[in-house]
Protein backbone atom coordinates (compact mmCIF):
# COMPACT_ATOMS: atom_id res chain seq x y z
CA MET A 1 74.87 -54.58 -4.72
CA LYS A 2 74.31 -55.24 -0.95
CA GLU A 3 70.78 -54.55 0.44
CA ILE A 4 70.41 -52.24 3.49
CA ARG A 5 68.24 -53.92 6.07
CA ILE A 6 66.23 -51.20 7.97
CA GLY A 7 64.43 -51.08 11.23
CA ILE A 8 61.92 -48.32 12.15
CA ILE A 9 61.40 -47.13 15.56
CA GLY A 10 57.92 -45.40 16.02
CA THR A 11 54.96 -46.53 13.84
CA GLY A 12 52.88 -43.44 14.16
CA VAL A 13 52.00 -41.25 11.11
CA MET A 14 55.53 -40.77 9.84
CA GLY A 15 56.84 -44.20 10.85
CA ALA A 16 53.90 -45.93 9.20
CA ASP A 17 54.34 -43.84 6.10
CA HIS A 18 58.04 -44.57 5.81
CA ALA A 19 57.27 -48.30 6.24
CA ALA A 20 54.72 -48.21 3.52
CA ILE A 21 57.17 -46.56 1.11
CA LEU A 22 59.86 -49.09 1.90
CA ALA A 23 57.35 -51.89 1.43
CA GLU A 24 56.45 -50.58 -2.10
CA GLY A 25 60.22 -50.82 -2.98
CA VAL A 26 63.17 -48.53 -2.48
CA ALA A 27 66.38 -49.23 -4.29
CA ASN A 28 69.04 -50.92 -2.06
CA ALA A 29 66.68 -51.03 0.89
CA ARG A 30 64.49 -53.59 2.62
CA LEU A 31 62.33 -53.00 5.83
CA VAL A 32 62.85 -55.94 8.11
CA ALA A 33 61.36 -54.79 11.55
CA VAL A 34 59.32 -52.13 13.27
CA GLN A 35 59.03 -51.11 16.94
CA ASP A 36 56.68 -48.92 18.93
CA PHE A 37 55.81 -48.34 22.63
CA ASP A 38 52.36 -49.44 21.53
CA LEU A 39 53.30 -53.00 20.68
CA GLY A 40 49.89 -53.74 19.15
CA ARG A 41 50.18 -50.96 16.73
CA ALA A 42 53.63 -52.16 15.69
CA GLU A 43 52.46 -55.72 15.36
CA THR A 44 49.46 -54.62 13.12
CA ILE A 45 51.85 -52.79 10.76
CA ALA A 46 54.39 -55.63 10.86
CA ALA A 47 51.77 -58.16 9.93
CA SER A 48 50.46 -56.07 7.05
CA LEU A 49 53.95 -55.72 5.57
CA ASP A 50 55.30 -59.18 6.45
CA VAL A 51 58.14 -57.91 8.73
CA ARG A 52 59.02 -58.39 12.32
CA ALA A 53 57.62 -56.53 15.31
CA ILE A 54 60.20 -55.87 18.02
CA ALA A 55 59.04 -54.96 21.51
CA ASP A 56 61.99 -52.79 22.64
CA ALA A 57 63.82 -50.01 20.75
CA ASP A 58 67.26 -50.91 22.31
CA ALA A 59 66.70 -54.51 20.94
CA LEU A 60 65.93 -53.16 17.48
CA ILE A 61 69.11 -51.06 17.45
CA GLY A 62 71.19 -53.93 18.69
CA ASP A 63 69.65 -56.50 16.35
CA PRO A 64 72.54 -57.95 14.09
CA ASP A 65 70.08 -58.45 11.24
CA ILE A 66 69.43 -54.70 11.03
CA ASP A 67 71.88 -52.55 9.28
CA ALA A 68 70.34 -49.07 9.64
CA VAL A 69 67.73 -47.48 11.82
CA MET A 70 64.98 -44.85 11.31
CA VAL A 71 63.84 -42.83 14.29
CA CYS A 72 60.19 -41.82 13.98
CA SER A 73 59.23 -41.81 17.61
CA PRO A 74 58.19 -38.82 19.73
CA ASP A 75 60.56 -35.82 19.62
CA GLY A 76 61.78 -36.39 23.22
CA THR A 77 63.20 -39.74 22.33
CA HIS A 78 65.20 -38.77 19.33
CA ALA A 79 68.52 -37.84 21.00
CA SER A 80 68.80 -40.95 23.19
CA LEU A 81 68.04 -43.24 20.27
CA ALA A 82 70.45 -41.52 17.85
CA LEU A 83 73.15 -41.72 20.50
CA LYS A 84 72.49 -45.44 20.90
CA ALA A 85 72.59 -45.97 17.11
CA ILE A 86 75.94 -44.11 16.98
CA ALA A 87 77.34 -46.34 19.77
CA ALA A 88 76.25 -49.33 17.82
CA GLY A 89 77.91 -48.02 14.68
CA LYS A 90 74.77 -47.96 12.77
CA PRO A 91 73.50 -45.19 10.29
CA VAL A 92 70.40 -43.53 11.63
CA LEU A 93 67.79 -41.32 9.89
CA VAL A 94 66.21 -39.16 12.57
CA GLU A 95 62.90 -37.35 11.80
CA LYS A 96 63.08 -33.64 12.70
CA PRO A 97 63.82 -32.21 15.16
CA LEU A 98 67.28 -33.79 15.74
CA ALA A 99 66.66 -33.49 19.49
CA ALA A 100 64.40 -31.88 22.11
CA SER A 101 67.14 -29.51 23.44
CA LEU A 102 70.31 -27.85 22.24
CA GLU A 103 72.27 -29.80 24.90
CA ASP A 104 71.02 -33.12 23.46
CA ALA A 105 71.86 -32.02 19.90
CA GLU A 106 75.43 -31.13 21.01
CA ALA A 107 75.81 -34.45 22.66
CA ILE A 108 74.95 -36.13 19.27
CA ILE A 109 77.49 -34.02 17.48
CA ARG A 110 80.15 -34.84 20.03
CA ALA A 111 79.32 -38.58 19.70
CA GLU A 112 79.68 -38.45 15.82
CA VAL A 113 82.94 -36.48 16.07
CA ASP A 114 84.31 -39.06 18.55
CA ALA A 115 83.15 -41.84 16.24
CA GLY A 116 85.00 -40.16 13.32
CA ARG A 117 82.20 -40.64 10.75
CA ARG A 118 78.82 -39.28 9.91
CA LEU A 119 76.08 -41.67 10.90
CA VAL A 120 73.18 -39.28 11.50
CA GLN A 121 70.89 -37.86 8.87
CA VAL A 122 68.01 -35.60 9.82
CA GLY A 123 64.72 -36.06 7.96
CA PHE A 124 64.59 -32.69 6.23
CA MET A 125 63.15 -34.32 3.13
CA ARG A 126 62.53 -31.01 1.20
CA ARG A 127 66.22 -31.07 0.16
CA PHE A 128 65.13 -34.04 -2.10
CA ASP A 129 61.99 -32.34 -3.54
CA PRO A 130 62.43 -31.73 -7.27
CA GLY A 131 61.16 -28.22 -7.01
CA TYR A 132 63.60 -27.15 -4.42
CA ARG A 133 66.41 -28.86 -6.05
CA GLU A 134 65.67 -27.03 -9.28
CA MET A 135 65.56 -23.72 -7.38
CA LYS A 136 69.00 -24.43 -6.00
CA GLN A 137 70.35 -25.39 -9.39
CA ALA A 138 68.89 -22.18 -10.94
CA LEU A 139 70.70 -20.11 -8.32
CA ALA A 140 73.97 -22.07 -8.71
CA SER A 141 73.96 -21.47 -12.45
CA GLY A 142 74.59 -17.78 -11.91
CA GLU A 143 71.99 -16.75 -14.47
CA LEU A 144 69.77 -15.04 -11.88
CA GLY A 145 72.63 -13.12 -10.26
CA ARG A 146 72.90 -12.62 -6.44
CA PRO A 147 69.97 -13.63 -4.19
CA LEU A 148 68.13 -10.89 -2.45
CA PHE A 149 64.98 -12.32 -0.96
CA LEU A 150 63.50 -15.68 -0.19
CA HIS A 151 59.76 -15.68 0.28
CA CYS A 152 58.31 -18.85 2.03
CA VAL A 153 54.74 -19.85 2.85
CA HIS A 154 53.93 -22.76 5.10
CA ARG A 155 50.22 -23.49 5.58
CA ASN A 156 48.35 -26.38 7.04
CA ALA A 157 44.60 -27.01 7.00
CA VAL A 158 43.96 -27.45 10.67
CA GLY A 159 46.69 -27.65 13.35
CA PRO A 160 46.56 -30.35 16.08
CA ASP A 161 44.99 -29.46 19.50
CA TYR A 162 48.16 -29.36 21.29
CA LEU A 163 49.78 -26.81 18.98
CA THR A 164 50.50 -23.43 20.61
CA SER A 165 51.73 -20.15 19.28
CA GLU A 166 55.15 -21.08 20.51
CA LEU A 167 55.00 -24.44 18.74
CA VAL A 168 54.05 -22.92 15.44
CA ILE A 169 57.62 -21.55 15.49
CA ALA A 170 59.36 -24.48 17.22
CA ASN A 171 57.65 -27.26 15.34
CA SER A 172 56.02 -26.08 12.06
CA ALA A 173 58.70 -23.69 10.85
CA GLY A 174 61.69 -26.09 11.16
CA HIS A 175 61.54 -27.27 7.57
CA GLU A 176 61.69 -23.61 6.33
CA PHE A 177 64.81 -22.95 8.44
CA ASP A 178 66.58 -25.89 6.94
CA ILE A 179 65.50 -25.35 3.31
CA ALA A 180 66.63 -21.62 3.49
CA ARG A 181 70.10 -22.74 4.56
CA TYR A 182 70.10 -25.37 1.84
CA LEU A 183 68.94 -23.05 -1.02
CA LEU A 184 71.27 -20.18 -0.02
CA ASP A 185 74.18 -22.27 1.26
CA GLU A 186 74.90 -20.04 4.10
CA ASP A 187 73.94 -19.60 7.79
CA ILE A 188 71.09 -17.43 9.20
CA THR A 189 72.39 -14.84 11.69
CA SER A 190 69.31 -13.01 12.96
CA ALA A 191 65.54 -13.30 13.45
CA ILE A 192 62.46 -11.19 13.97
CA VAL A 193 59.01 -12.50 14.66
CA ALA A 194 55.63 -10.77 14.27
CA SER A 195 52.34 -12.39 15.26
CA PRO A 196 48.84 -11.31 13.87
CA PRO A 197 45.76 -12.01 16.02
CA ALA A 198 44.61 -15.61 16.45
CA THR A 199 41.87 -16.64 14.04
CA ARG A 200 38.38 -17.71 15.05
CA ASN A 201 39.14 -21.15 13.88
CA ALA A 202 42.14 -21.54 16.27
CA PRO A 203 41.72 -18.99 19.15
CA ASN A 204 44.43 -20.76 21.22
CA ARG A 205 47.27 -19.97 18.88
CA GLN A 206 48.56 -17.29 16.43
CA PRO A 207 49.94 -17.52 12.94
CA GLN A 208 53.52 -16.35 12.81
CA PHE A 209 55.53 -14.24 10.37
CA ILE A 210 59.30 -14.74 10.68
CA LEU A 211 61.98 -12.53 9.21
CA LEU A 212 65.47 -13.88 9.00
CA GLN A 213 68.70 -12.52 7.64
CA THR A 214 71.69 -14.57 6.35
CA ARG A 215 75.36 -13.95 6.79
CA SER A 216 75.60 -12.17 3.40
CA GLY A 217 72.47 -10.11 3.97
CA VAL A 218 69.78 -12.11 2.12
CA VAL A 219 66.39 -11.55 3.72
CA VAL A 220 64.13 -14.60 4.24
CA ASP A 221 60.52 -14.13 5.20
CA ILE A 222 58.30 -17.03 6.34
CA GLU A 223 54.58 -17.08 6.83
CA VAL A 224 53.47 -20.04 9.06
CA PHE A 225 49.72 -20.36 9.11
CA THR A 226 48.70 -23.72 10.55
CA ASP A 227 44.93 -23.32 10.29
CA ALA A 228 44.37 -22.08 6.76
CA GLN A 229 41.32 -24.43 6.38
CA TYR A 230 41.68 -25.08 2.70
CA GLY A 231 44.53 -27.62 2.83
CA TYR A 232 48.31 -28.03 2.99
CA ASP A 233 50.11 -25.50 0.96
CA VAL A 234 53.87 -24.85 0.61
CA ARG A 235 55.33 -21.96 -1.52
CA ALA A 236 58.72 -20.46 -2.14
CA GLU A 237 60.11 -17.84 -4.36
CA LEU A 238 63.70 -16.70 -4.63
CA VAL A 239 64.22 -13.17 -5.84
CA CYS A 240 67.60 -12.39 -7.32
CA GLU A 241 69.29 -9.45 -9.14
CA GLU A 242 68.50 -10.67 -12.62
CA GLY A 243 65.24 -12.69 -12.10
CA THR A 244 63.35 -15.03 -9.94
CA VAL A 245 62.62 -18.74 -9.50
CA ALA A 246 59.62 -20.17 -7.63
CA LEU A 247 58.13 -23.51 -6.79
CA ASP A 248 55.17 -24.45 -9.15
CA PRO A 249 52.20 -24.98 -6.76
CA SER A 250 50.16 -26.89 -9.35
CA PRO A 251 50.03 -30.77 -9.50
CA ALA A 252 50.10 -32.67 -12.68
CA THR A 253 46.39 -32.48 -13.30
CA THR A 254 43.54 -29.91 -13.06
CA ILE A 255 39.91 -30.49 -12.39
CA ARG A 256 36.92 -28.75 -14.04
CA ALA A 257 33.66 -29.52 -12.29
CA ARG A 258 30.65 -27.63 -10.87
CA GLY A 259 31.69 -24.26 -12.00
CA HIS A 260 35.28 -24.61 -10.81
CA ASP A 261 38.60 -24.87 -12.81
CA GLY A 262 41.62 -25.69 -10.76
CA PHE A 263 43.41 -28.43 -8.74
CA ARG A 264 42.90 -30.11 -5.43
CA THR A 265 44.93 -29.10 -2.38
CA PRO A 266 46.21 -32.01 -0.27
CA ALA A 267 44.96 -32.36 3.31
CA ASP A 268 48.50 -32.64 4.73
CA TRP A 269 52.21 -32.76 3.72
CA ARG A 270 52.41 -36.49 2.81
CA PRO A 271 50.91 -36.35 -0.75
CA ARG A 272 52.81 -33.12 -1.40
CA PHE A 273 56.24 -34.53 -0.46
CA ARG A 274 55.75 -38.28 -1.11
CA GLN A 275 58.22 -38.19 -3.93
CA ALA A 276 60.76 -36.34 -1.79
CA TYR A 277 60.37 -38.91 1.02
CA ARG A 278 61.09 -41.72 -1.38
CA ALA A 279 64.09 -39.88 -2.94
CA GLN A 280 65.45 -39.19 0.64
CA LEU A 281 65.27 -42.95 1.42
CA GLU A 282 67.00 -43.84 -1.78
CA ALA A 283 69.71 -41.32 -1.27
CA TRP A 284 70.23 -42.34 2.37
CA THR A 285 70.72 -45.98 1.57
CA THR A 286 72.93 -45.27 -1.49
CA GLY A 287 75.01 -43.06 0.79
CA ILE A 288 75.39 -45.87 3.35
CA LEU A 289 76.52 -48.35 0.70
CA SER A 290 78.99 -45.90 -0.86
CA ASN A 291 80.11 -44.32 2.48
CA THR A 292 79.14 -40.93 1.17
CA PRO A 293 76.58 -39.40 3.53
CA CYS A 294 73.98 -37.08 1.95
CA GLY A 295 71.09 -35.03 3.15
CA SER A 296 70.84 -32.93 6.34
CA SER A 297 73.68 -33.81 8.73
CA ALA A 298 73.43 -33.70 12.53
CA TRP A 299 75.01 -30.27 12.18
CA ASP A 300 72.34 -29.08 9.93
CA GLY A 301 69.78 -30.32 12.42
CA TYR A 302 71.60 -28.36 15.18
CA MET A 303 71.67 -25.23 13.04
CA ALA A 304 67.87 -25.47 12.51
CA MET A 305 67.48 -25.74 16.26
CA LEU A 306 69.67 -22.64 16.80
CA VAL A 307 67.46 -20.66 14.47
CA THR A 308 64.41 -21.91 16.34
CA THR A 309 65.90 -20.80 19.60
CA ALA A 310 66.63 -17.33 18.26
CA CYS A 311 63.07 -17.06 16.81
CA LEU A 312 61.53 -17.98 20.15
CA HIS A 313 63.62 -15.31 21.93
CA ALA A 314 62.66 -12.82 19.32
CA TRP A 315 58.96 -13.62 19.72
CA LYS A 316 59.07 -13.41 23.48
CA THR A 317 61.07 -10.23 23.69
CA ARG A 318 59.60 -8.55 20.51
CA SER A 319 63.08 -7.78 19.38
CA ARG A 320 65.75 -8.86 16.82
CA ALA A 321 67.61 -11.92 18.10
CA ALA A 322 71.03 -13.00 16.92
CA VAL A 323 71.73 -16.64 15.94
CA GLU A 324 74.86 -17.58 17.83
CA ILE A 325 76.79 -19.88 15.56
CA PRO A 326 79.68 -22.03 17.03
CA GLU A 327 82.65 -23.23 15.10
CA LYS A 328 81.72 -26.12 12.80
CA PRO A 329 83.61 -29.35 13.53
CA PHE A 330 85.85 -30.60 10.76
CA LEU A 331 83.69 -33.70 10.30
CA TYR A 332 80.91 -31.48 8.85
CA ARG A 333 83.08 -29.28 6.64
């Protein structure tokens, strides 16, 4: 079977993590080059993994020895790099968000439609997490009946300095928007946002509570608390007519020491979703080889951005906001 030769643009936290996973070994994939605006950082990672460092992102995309591209650079660069990969006819996995604006996301969709094939996958890796996949399978089996509520919790230990109340919605909640659409297999049509007071640990931003409703009426609530102090914690429970299904928050081991009996909470998302990141890469490269794209499409990335836009409007106006859903192009049906 052919091996997909991958180049990574952006060697910050996510790019370096993807590079390490690929270096450990992913079926049908091989990392061959990395690029970053900080060439020294790219060269350090390249040397540690025995791959090439390329100074320019355009050069990496155009390199004939690179079959597929991962975009892990700052959000504002995602759209232009994805468009260049599409123009080069190369599959591209773009970390979320798909783009920095709805207009840029729409340009990506038009480019893919014009190309006549799906080349873009958005890095919503939770779709590959075993827990979420089991939740979806339990719902699809019919044994739980019709879904009524989806409860979601998204907590970080400490948010970065630049994070604002607005960015808690626009940045942190994006994975929840996509996983709700994935689990329920339908679009979100409205949003309400309520904000408790800021905490003493982060007086410059507020936690957010988001209430969504889907086309069929399922209610989705999302708590986004980026300064919970104790660690990274993601939870979900789907409540249906005949029962419930929820993520198991416990890891494989528990620790008893110094009067405590429990398990450690990771400091950030990478340990929690490391298996999902690997599964995402394996599915992406397998899909490239078989010409059967999987994972979140550019359309899914656009839908998450539309929900974000509605949530921001709801937060600013303190009212319910509708999610305006355009007609889906045939390529994504």
